[in-house]
Protein backbone atom coordinates (compact mmCIF):
# COMPACT_ATOMS: atom_id res chain seq x y z
CA MET A 1 14.39 -16.26 48.90
CA PHE A 2 15.92 -18.17 51.29
CA LEU A 3 14.83 -20.76 53.68
CA LEU A 4 15.97 -22.70 56.59
CA GLN A 5 14.45 -25.34 58.84
CA GLU A 6 15.58 -26.43 61.91
CA LEU A 7 13.97 -29.55 63.55
CA CYS A 8 13.27 -28.64 66.88
CA GLN A 9 12.11 -31.85 68.82
CA THR A 10 12.01 -32.64 72.51
CA SER A 11 12.87 -36.10 70.99
CA ASN A 12 16.27 -34.35 70.74
CA GLY A 13 16.71 -33.89 74.19
CA ASN A 14 16.63 -30.98 76.68
CA PRO A 15 18.92 -28.21 75.14
CA GLN A 16 20.85 -27.84 78.67
CA ASP A 17 22.01 -31.66 78.70
CA SER A 18 25.31 -32.02 77.02
CA GLN A 19 24.04 -35.39 75.27
CA SER A 20 21.16 -33.37 73.33
CA LEU A 21 21.58 -32.62 69.45
CA HIS A 22 20.45 -29.10 70.76
CA TYR A 23 22.60 -28.46 73.63
CA ILE A 24 23.64 -25.01 74.25
CA ASN A 25 27.12 -24.67 75.10
CA PRO A 26 28.11 -21.18 76.38
CA HIS A 27 31.69 -21.65 75.23
CA ALA A 28 30.99 -23.56 71.73
CA PRO A 29 28.59 -23.21 68.72
CA ASN A 30 26.28 -26.40 68.42
CA GLN A 31 26.38 -28.13 64.82
CA TYR A 32 23.38 -26.12 64.19
CA VAL A 33 24.84 -23.06 65.25
CA ARG A 34 27.53 -23.63 63.28
CA ALA A 35 25.49 -24.78 60.34
CA ILE A 36 23.37 -22.03 60.09
CA GLN A 37 26.45 -19.37 60.27
CA SER A 38 28.37 -21.18 57.03
CA VAL A 39 25.46 -20.56 54.92
CA ALA A 40 24.74 -17.09 56.64
CA ASP A 41 28.20 -16.56 55.68
CA ILE A 42 27.77 -17.08 51.81
CA ILE A 43 24.51 -15.85 51.66
CA GLU A 44 25.17 -12.26 53.57
CA ASP A 45 27.20 -11.62 50.08
CA TYR A 46 24.08 -11.19 48.05
CA ASP A 47 22.08 -9.45 50.70
CA SER A 48 22.65 -5.72 50.49
CA ASP A 49 21.52 -4.59 54.36
CA LYS A 50 22.91 -7.86 55.53
CA TYR A 51 19.58 -8.49 57.64
CA PHE A 52 18.00 -11.93 57.13
CA PRO A 53 13.68 -11.74 58.14
CA VAL A 54 13.15 -14.83 60.39
CA LEU A 55 9.80 -16.23 61.11
CA GLY A 56 9.54 -18.85 63.96
CA PHE A 57 6.50 -21.46 64.47
CA GLY A 58 5.85 -23.23 67.76
CA ALA A 59 8.83 -22.18 69.67
CA ARG A 60 9.77 -22.16 73.20
CA GLN A 61 11.42 -18.55 74.12
CA PRO A 62 13.84 -18.54 77.11
CA PRO A 63 13.83 -17.32 79.51
CA ASP A 64 10.87 -19.09 80.90
CA TYR A 65 10.30 -21.04 77.68
CA THR A 66 6.73 -20.66 77.29
CA GLN A 67 4.95 -20.04 73.69
């Protein structure tokens, strides 16, 4: 089992603001994405189908960011 938590609070700023910790840059992954990719690159070798089930709680999803 693998557990990953990303803290997405409004106090971290709007993901469309380049000063936000969660800034979504269309040209390069942010630090959160790079960290998750780094971990996934390692653990995928221990998973036969290379798929990682994910559960999300309380997230607001694009395109309208409603729950």
